[in-house]
C-alpha cells in the first residue's frame, strides 16, 4: 500500500481569520468564518469554517471562558462588552 506525499512534506501551514470579513449566518442556518490558509508564509487559499448553530454556541462559550480576564476591556470599552462577558469580568474583580 503506497501513500501519496505532498511536494513539501514539511510545509508549515498557518490558518488565520480574514480580518475584514465578519462572521456570517448562511441561508441554511450555519455560520461561516472566512479564513486564510498559508503554507510556509505564502498565501495558498481562502477557506470557510462552517459551524452549525450548536457548534457556534459551544465555540462562543469556550471563547468566553478563555477570555476570562481583563484584557478584553483594552480593546472594547467595558460599557460595550457583551452580556456574556460581563459576568466573567465581575467575578474576577471581587
N, C-alpha and C. Protein backbone atom coordinates (compact mmCIF):
# COMPACT_ATOMS: atom_id res chain seq x y z
N UNK A 1 0.84 -1.17 0.00
CA UNK A 1 0.00 0.00 0.00
C UNK A 1 0.89 1.23 0.00
N UNK A 2 0.71 2.10 -0.96
CA UNK A 2 1.53 3.30 -1.02
C UNK A 2 0.73 4.50 -0.52
N UNK A 3 1.45 5.47 0.01
CA UNK A 3 0.81 6.69 0.47
C UNK A 3 1.33 7.85 -0.37
N UNK A 4 0.44 8.74 -0.71
CA UNK A 4 0.84 9.91 -1.50
C UNK A 4 1.51 10.92 -0.58
N UNK A 5 2.54 11.54 -1.08
CA UNK A 5 3.24 12.57 -0.33
C UNK A 5 3.12 13.89 -1.06
N UNK A 6 3.01 14.96 -0.28
CA UNK A 6 2.95 16.28 -0.92
C UNK A 6 4.34 16.68 -1.38
N UNK A 7 4.39 17.66 -2.25
CA UNK A 7 5.68 18.14 -2.76
C UNK A 7 6.54 18.70 -1.62
N UNK A 8 5.86 19.24 -0.60
CA UNK A 8 6.57 19.80 0.55
C UNK A 8 6.06 19.15 1.83
N UNK A 9 6.55 17.98 2.18
CA UNK A 9 6.01 17.28 3.34
C UNK A 9 6.20 18.03 4.65
N UNK A 10 7.17 18.91 4.73
CA UNK A 10 7.41 19.63 5.97
C UNK A 10 6.89 21.08 5.90
N UNK A 11 6.00 21.38 4.98
CA UNK A 11 5.47 22.74 4.85
C UNK A 11 4.74 23.14 6.12
N UNK A 12 4.99 24.34 6.56
CA UNK A 12 4.32 24.88 7.75
C UNK A 12 3.01 25.52 7.31
N UNK A 13 1.92 25.03 7.85
CA UNK A 13 0.59 25.53 7.49
C UNK A 13 0.09 26.45 8.60
N UNK A 14 -0.41 27.62 8.22
CA UNK A 14 -0.98 28.57 9.16
C UNK A 14 -2.38 28.94 8.70
N UNK A 15 -3.28 29.04 9.66
CA UNK A 15 -4.66 29.44 9.37
C UNK A 15 -4.97 30.65 10.23
N UNK A 16 -5.56 31.68 9.62
CA UNK A 16 -5.96 32.86 10.38
C UNK A 16 -7.25 33.42 9.81
N UNK A 17 -7.95 34.17 10.64
CA UNK A 17 -9.19 34.80 10.18
C UNK A 17 -8.89 35.87 9.16
N UNK A 18 -9.79 36.07 8.22
CA UNK A 18 -9.71 37.20 7.31
C UNK A 18 -10.25 38.39 8.11
N UNK A 19 -9.38 39.33 8.49
CA UNK A 19 -9.81 40.38 9.42
C UNK A 19 -10.91 41.29 8.90
N UNK A 20 -11.02 41.44 7.61
CA UNK A 20 -12.01 42.36 7.06
C UNK A 20 -13.39 41.74 6.86
N UNK A 21 -13.51 40.43 7.10
CA UNK A 21 -14.79 39.75 6.85
C UNK A 21 -15.43 39.31 8.17
N UNK A 22 -16.67 39.71 8.39
CA UNK A 22 -17.35 39.31 9.63
C UNK A 22 -17.85 37.87 9.54
N UNK A 23 -18.12 37.30 10.69
CA UNK A 23 -18.80 36.01 10.73
C UNK A 23 -20.18 36.23 10.14
N UNK A 24 -20.64 35.28 9.34
CA UNK A 24 -21.96 35.47 8.72
C UNK A 24 -22.81 34.23 8.88
N UNK A 25 -24.11 34.47 8.93
CA UNK A 25 -25.07 33.37 9.02
C UNK A 25 -25.56 33.06 7.62
N UNK A 26 -25.44 31.80 7.22
CA UNK A 26 -25.83 31.37 5.88
C UNK A 26 -27.33 31.08 5.83
N UNK A 27 -27.86 30.96 4.63
CA UNK A 27 -29.28 30.68 4.44
C UNK A 27 -29.72 29.38 5.10
N UNK A 28 -28.82 28.40 5.21
CA UNK A 28 -29.17 27.12 5.81
C UNK A 28 -29.04 27.13 7.33
N UNK A 29 -28.69 28.29 7.92
CA UNK A 29 -28.57 28.41 9.37
C UNK A 29 -27.17 28.22 9.90
N UNK A 30 -26.25 27.73 9.08
CA UNK A 30 -24.87 27.54 9.50
C UNK A 30 -24.16 28.89 9.58
N UNK A 31 -23.11 28.94 10.36
CA UNK A 31 -22.29 30.14 10.46
C UNK A 31 -20.99 29.91 9.72
N UNK A 32 -20.51 30.93 8.99
CA UNK A 32 -19.26 30.82 8.24
C UNK A 32 -18.27 31.84 8.74
N UNK A 33 -17.04 31.38 8.92
CA UNK A 33 -15.92 32.24 9.31
C UNK A 33 -14.88 32.11 8.21
N UNK A 34 -14.60 33.22 7.52
CA UNK A 34 -13.62 33.19 6.44
C UNK A 34 -12.22 33.14 7.00
N UNK A 35 -11.41 32.25 6.43
CA UNK A 35 -10.04 32.02 6.90
C UNK A 35 -9.06 32.12 5.74
N UNK A 36 -7.83 32.50 6.07
CA UNK A 36 -6.73 32.47 5.11
C UNK A 36 -5.87 31.26 5.43
N UNK A 37 -5.46 30.56 4.40
CA UNK A 37 -4.56 29.43 4.55
C UNK A 37 -3.23 29.81 3.92
N UNK A 38 -2.16 29.69 4.72
CA UNK A 38 -0.81 29.97 4.22
C UNK A 38 0.06 28.75 4.43
N UNK A 39 0.93 28.51 3.48
CA UNK A 39 1.93 27.44 3.60
C UNK A 39 3.30 28.09 3.52
N UNK A 40 4.10 27.83 4.53
CA UNK A 40 5.44 28.42 4.63
C UNK A 40 5.40 29.93 4.44
N UNK A 41 4.37 30.58 4.97
CA UNK A 41 4.27 32.03 4.92
C UNK A 41 3.66 32.60 3.65
N UNK A 42 3.47 31.78 2.63
CA UNK A 42 2.91 32.25 1.36
C UNK A 42 1.41 31.93 1.31
N UNK A 43 0.62 32.89 0.87
CA UNK A 43 -0.82 32.68 0.75
C UNK A 43 -1.10 31.50 -0.15
N UNK A 44 -1.98 30.61 0.28
CA UNK A 44 -2.35 29.45 -0.51
C UNK A 44 -3.79 29.55 -0.98
N UNK A 45 -4.73 29.83 -0.07
CA UNK A 45 -6.13 29.94 -0.47
C UNK A 45 -6.99 30.49 0.66
N UNK A 46 -8.22 30.83 0.31
CA UNK A 46 -9.24 31.19 1.28
C UNK A 46 -10.06 29.93 1.55
N UNK A 47 -10.46 29.75 2.78
CA UNK A 47 -11.36 28.67 3.14
C UNK A 47 -12.39 29.24 4.12
N UNK A 48 -13.50 28.56 4.27
CA UNK A 48 -14.51 28.99 5.22
C UNK A 48 -14.74 27.88 6.23
N UNK A 49 -14.68 28.23 7.49
CA UNK A 49 -15.04 27.31 8.56
C UNK A 49 -16.54 27.44 8.75
N UNK A 50 -17.25 26.33 8.56
CA UNK A 50 -18.72 26.34 8.71
C UNK A 50 -19.07 25.64 10.01
N UNK A 51 -19.90 26.29 10.81
CA UNK A 51 -20.33 25.74 12.09
C UNK A 51 -21.84 25.67 12.15
N UNK A 52 -22.36 24.60 12.70
CA UNK A 52 -23.80 24.54 12.97
C UNK A 52 -24.09 25.52 14.10
N UNK A 53 -25.35 25.89 14.31
CA UNK A 53 -25.65 26.75 15.45
C UNK A 53 -25.16 26.17 16.78
N UNK A 54 -25.28 24.86 16.97
CA UNK A 54 -24.81 24.24 18.21
C UNK A 54 -23.29 24.36 18.34
N UNK A 55 -22.56 24.12 17.24
CA UNK A 55 -21.10 24.25 17.27
C UNK A 55 -20.68 25.69 17.54
N UNK A 56 -21.41 26.64 16.94
CA UNK A 56 -21.10 28.06 17.15
C UNK A 56 -21.33 28.45 18.62
N UNK A 57 -22.40 27.91 19.21
CA UNK A 57 -22.68 28.20 20.62
C UNK A 57 -21.61 27.65 21.54
N UNK A 58 -21.14 26.43 21.25
CA UNK A 58 -20.06 25.84 22.06
C UNK A 58 -18.79 26.67 21.92
N UNK A 59 -18.45 27.08 20.69
CA UNK A 59 -17.27 27.92 20.47
C UNK A 59 -17.41 29.24 21.21
N UNK A 60 -18.59 29.83 21.16
CA UNK A 60 -18.86 31.09 21.86
C UNK A 60 -18.61 30.93 23.36
N UNK A 61 -19.15 29.87 23.95
CA UNK A 61 -18.95 29.63 25.38
C UNK A 61 -17.48 29.40 25.70
N UNK A 62 -16.80 28.63 24.87
CA UNK A 62 -15.38 28.37 25.12
C UNK A 62 -14.55 29.64 25.03
N UNK A 63 -14.88 30.52 24.07
CA UNK A 63 -14.17 31.79 23.97
C UNK A 63 -14.43 32.67 25.18
N UNK A 64 -15.66 32.69 25.67
CA UNK A 64 -15.97 33.48 26.87
C UNK A 64 -15.13 33.02 28.05
N UNK A 65 -15.02 31.70 28.23
CA UNK A 65 -14.19 31.19 29.32
C UNK A 65 -12.72 31.49 29.09
N UNK A 66 -12.25 31.35 27.86
CA UNK A 66 -10.84 31.61 27.55
C UNK A 66 -10.49 33.08 27.74
N UNK A 67 -11.46 33.96 27.52
CA UNK A 67 -11.23 35.40 27.67
C UNK A 67 -11.51 35.88 29.09
N UNK A 68 -11.54 34.98 30.03
CA UNK A 68 -11.89 35.33 31.41
C UNK A 68 -10.77 36.10 32.11
N UNK A 69 -10.50 37.26 31.58
CA UNK A 69 -9.57 38.19 32.22
C UNK A 69 -9.92 39.60 31.76
N UNK A 70 -9.16 40.56 32.18
CA UNK A 70 -9.48 41.95 31.89
C UNK A 70 -8.94 42.45 30.56
N UNK A 71 -8.26 41.61 29.78
CA UNK A 71 -7.66 42.08 28.54
C UNK A 71 -8.70 42.53 27.53
N UNK A 72 -9.91 42.00 27.60
CA UNK A 72 -10.94 42.38 26.63
C UNK A 72 -11.26 43.87 26.75
N UNK A 73 -11.17 44.46 27.94
CA UNK A 73 -11.51 45.87 28.09
C UNK A 73 -10.44 46.78 27.50
N UNK A 74 -9.29 46.23 27.15
CA UNK A 74 -8.27 47.03 26.46
C UNK A 74 -8.73 47.32 25.04
N UNK A 75 -9.45 46.38 24.44
CA UNK A 75 -9.90 46.50 23.06
C UNK A 75 -11.30 47.11 22.98
N UNK A 76 -12.18 46.69 23.87
CA UNK A 76 -13.58 47.12 23.87
C UNK A 76 -13.86 47.81 25.19
N UNK A 77 -14.43 49.01 25.18
CA UNK A 77 -14.75 49.67 26.44
C UNK A 77 -15.69 48.80 27.27
N UNK A 78 -15.55 48.82 28.59
CA UNK A 78 -16.34 47.96 29.46
C UNK A 78 -17.84 48.13 29.22
N UNK A 79 -18.27 49.33 28.87
CA UNK A 79 -19.69 49.56 28.62
C UNK A 79 -20.19 48.86 27.36
N UNK A 80 -19.26 48.44 26.48
CA UNK A 80 -19.64 47.76 25.23
C UNK A 80 -19.39 46.26 25.26
N UNK A 81 -18.94 45.74 26.40
CA UNK A 81 -18.65 44.31 26.50
C UNK A 81 -19.97 43.55 26.41
N UNK A 82 -20.02 42.46 25.62
CA UNK A 82 -21.25 41.67 25.50
C UNK A 82 -21.71 41.14 26.87
N UNK A 83 -23.01 40.92 27.02
CA UNK A 83 -23.57 40.45 28.28
C UNK A 83 -22.91 39.17 28.78
N UNK A 84 -22.56 38.27 27.86
CA UNK A 84 -21.96 37.00 28.28
C UNK A 84 -20.62 37.21 28.97
N UNK A 85 -19.96 38.31 28.70
CA UNK A 85 -18.65 38.58 29.31
C UNK A 85 -18.76 39.37 30.60
N UNK A 86 -19.86 40.09 30.80
CA UNK A 86 -19.99 40.94 31.98
C UNK A 86 -19.93 40.14 33.26
N UNK A 87 -20.54 38.97 33.29
CA UNK A 87 -20.49 38.13 34.49
C UNK A 87 -19.09 37.67 34.80
N UNK A 88 -18.34 37.29 33.78
CA UNK A 88 -16.96 36.81 33.98
C UNK A 88 -16.07 37.93 34.49
N UNK A 89 -16.23 39.14 33.95
CA UNK A 89 -15.42 40.27 34.40
C UNK A 89 -15.77 40.64 35.83
N UNK A 90 -17.03 40.62 36.17
CA UNK A 90 -17.46 40.95 37.53
C UNK A 90 -16.93 39.98 38.57
N UNK A 91 -16.90 38.69 38.23
CA UNK A 91 -16.40 37.68 39.16
C UNK A 91 -14.92 37.87 39.45
N UNK A 92 -14.15 38.29 38.47
CA UNK A 92 -12.71 38.47 38.65
C UNK A 92 -12.40 39.67 39.54
N UNK A 93 -13.27 40.66 39.55
CA UNK A 93 -13.00 41.90 40.28
C UNK A 93 -13.35 41.80 41.75
N UNK A 94 -14.01 40.76 42.19
CA UNK A 94 -14.42 40.65 43.59
C UNK A 94 -13.25 40.42 44.50
